[in-house]
Amino acid sequence: MAVMGVVLVVFLVLAFETEVSMAVTCTPTELSPCVTAITSGKPPSKLCCTKIKQQKPCLCQYIKNPNLKKFVTSPNAKKVSSTCGVPIPKC
């Protein structure tokens, strides 16, 4: 599991930043507080939920990125998203 977390962080760091409407900067590294919850299945922290809510307009962009999709749409990511009240969009 530690390797998966490291891989996720590497992909997030390598992903580029882009602007989305409503002045949200799509930065996958903003979701780093969620790495433990996504990789381990543990409940997300309040900070994780805050970051997912902030990055909600960017989720489709992350899903369309082949390097990030598996981390946004994995069963644990869906559980984290659901717990935080942010449904995974259908893009």
Protein backbone atom coordinates (compact mmCIF):
# COMPACT_ATOMS: atom_id res chain seq x y z
CA MET A 1 0.00 0.00 0.00
CA ALA A 2 2.87 2.42 0.70
CA VAL A 3 4.06 2.01 -2.88
CA MET A 4 0.59 2.90 -4.17
CA GLY A 5 0.63 6.07 -2.05
CA VAL A 6 4.04 7.03 -3.38
CA VAL A 7 2.87 6.40 -6.94
CA LEU A 8 -0.20 8.56 -6.34
CA VAL A 9 1.88 11.41 -4.97
CA VAL A 10 4.29 11.18 -7.91
CA PHE A 11 1.43 11.33 -10.40
CA LEU A 12 -0.15 14.21 -8.55
CA VAL A 13 3.10 16.14 -8.50
CA LEU A 14 3.72 15.50 -12.20
CA ALA A 15 0.23 16.58 -13.23
CA PHE A 16 -0.01 20.09 -14.55
CA GLU A 17 -2.06 22.94 -13.14
CA THR A 18 -4.92 24.38 -15.18
CA GLU A 19 -7.57 26.94 -14.58
CA VAL A 20 -11.28 26.08 -14.47
CA SER A 21 -14.21 28.46 -14.33
CA MET A 22 -15.09 30.01 -10.98
CA ALA A 23 -11.40 30.71 -10.28
CA VAL A 24 -10.63 27.17 -9.14
CA THR A 25 -7.09 26.12 -9.86
CA CYS A 26 -7.01 22.44 -10.74
CA THR A 27 -4.06 21.15 -8.83
CA PRO A 28 -4.13 17.43 -8.10
CA THR A 29 -1.63 17.90 -5.28
CA GLU A 30 -4.41 19.74 -3.38
CA LEU A 31 -5.90 16.27 -2.84
CA SER A 32 -2.77 14.99 -1.06
CA PRO A 33 -4.56 15.07 2.35
CA CYS A 34 -6.72 12.27 0.90
CA VAL A 35 -3.89 9.90 -0.04
CA THR A 36 -4.08 7.88 3.18
CA ALA A 37 -7.85 7.48 2.96
CA ILE A 38 -7.72 6.54 -0.74
CA THR A 39 -4.87 4.06 -0.39
CA SER A 40 -5.89 2.48 2.92
CA GLY A 41 -9.67 2.74 3.02
CA LYS A 42 -9.53 4.69 6.30
CA PRO A 43 -12.11 7.46 6.81
CA PRO A 44 -11.14 10.80 5.26
CA SER A 45 -10.06 13.71 7.41
CA LYS A 46 -11.95 17.00 7.51
CA LEU A 47 -9.10 18.56 5.54
CA CYS A 48 -9.44 15.86 2.88
CA CYS A 49 -13.17 16.55 2.54
CA THR A 50 -12.53 20.29 2.31
CA LYS A 51 -10.00 19.75 -0.46
CA ILE A 52 -12.30 17.40 -2.41
CA LYS A 53 -15.08 19.98 -2.21
CA GLN A 54 -12.71 22.70 -3.43
CA GLN A 55 -11.47 20.52 -6.30
CA LYS A 56 -14.95 19.24 -7.29
CA PRO A 57 -15.02 21.32 -10.53
CA CYS A 58 -11.76 19.60 -11.52
CA LEU A 59 -12.78 15.98 -10.99
CA CYS A 60 -13.77 15.40 -14.63
CA GLN A 61 -10.41 16.74 -15.76
CA TYR A 62 -8.67 14.32 -13.37
CA ILE A 63 -10.86 11.44 -14.56
CA LYS A 64 -9.93 12.20 -18.16
CA ASN A 65 -6.23 12.10 -17.28
CA PRO A 66 -5.07 8.47 -17.71
CA ASN A 67 -2.46 8.93 -14.96
CA LEU A 68 -5.02 10.15 -12.41
CA LYS A 69 -8.23 8.35 -13.38
CA LYS A 70 -7.51 5.17 -11.41
CA PHE A 71 -7.01 7.21 -8.24
CA VAL A 72 -10.19 9.25 -8.65
CA THR A 73 -12.40 6.32 -9.64
CA SER A 74 -10.99 3.55 -7.43
CA PRO A 75 -13.36 1.95 -4.92
CA ASN A 76 -11.63 3.67 -1.99
CA ALA A 77 -11.68 7.04 -3.77
CA LYS A 78 -15.39 6.63 -4.38
CA LYS A 79 -15.88 5.80 -0.70
CA VAL A 80 -13.91 8.88 0.36
CA SER A 81 -15.84 11.07 -2.07
CA SER A 82 -19.17 9.70 -0.85
CA THR A 83 -18.22 10.17 2.80
CA CYS A 84 -17.33 13.78 2.01
CA GLY A 85 -20.61 14.35 0.19
CA VAL A 86 -19.03 14.90 -3.21
CA PRO A 87 -20.30 12.45 -5.82
CA ILE A 88 -17.88 11.30 -8.51
CA PRO A 89 -19.18 12.96 -11.71
CA LYS A 90 -20.00 11.09 -14.89
CA CYS A 91 -17.86 12.80 -17.48
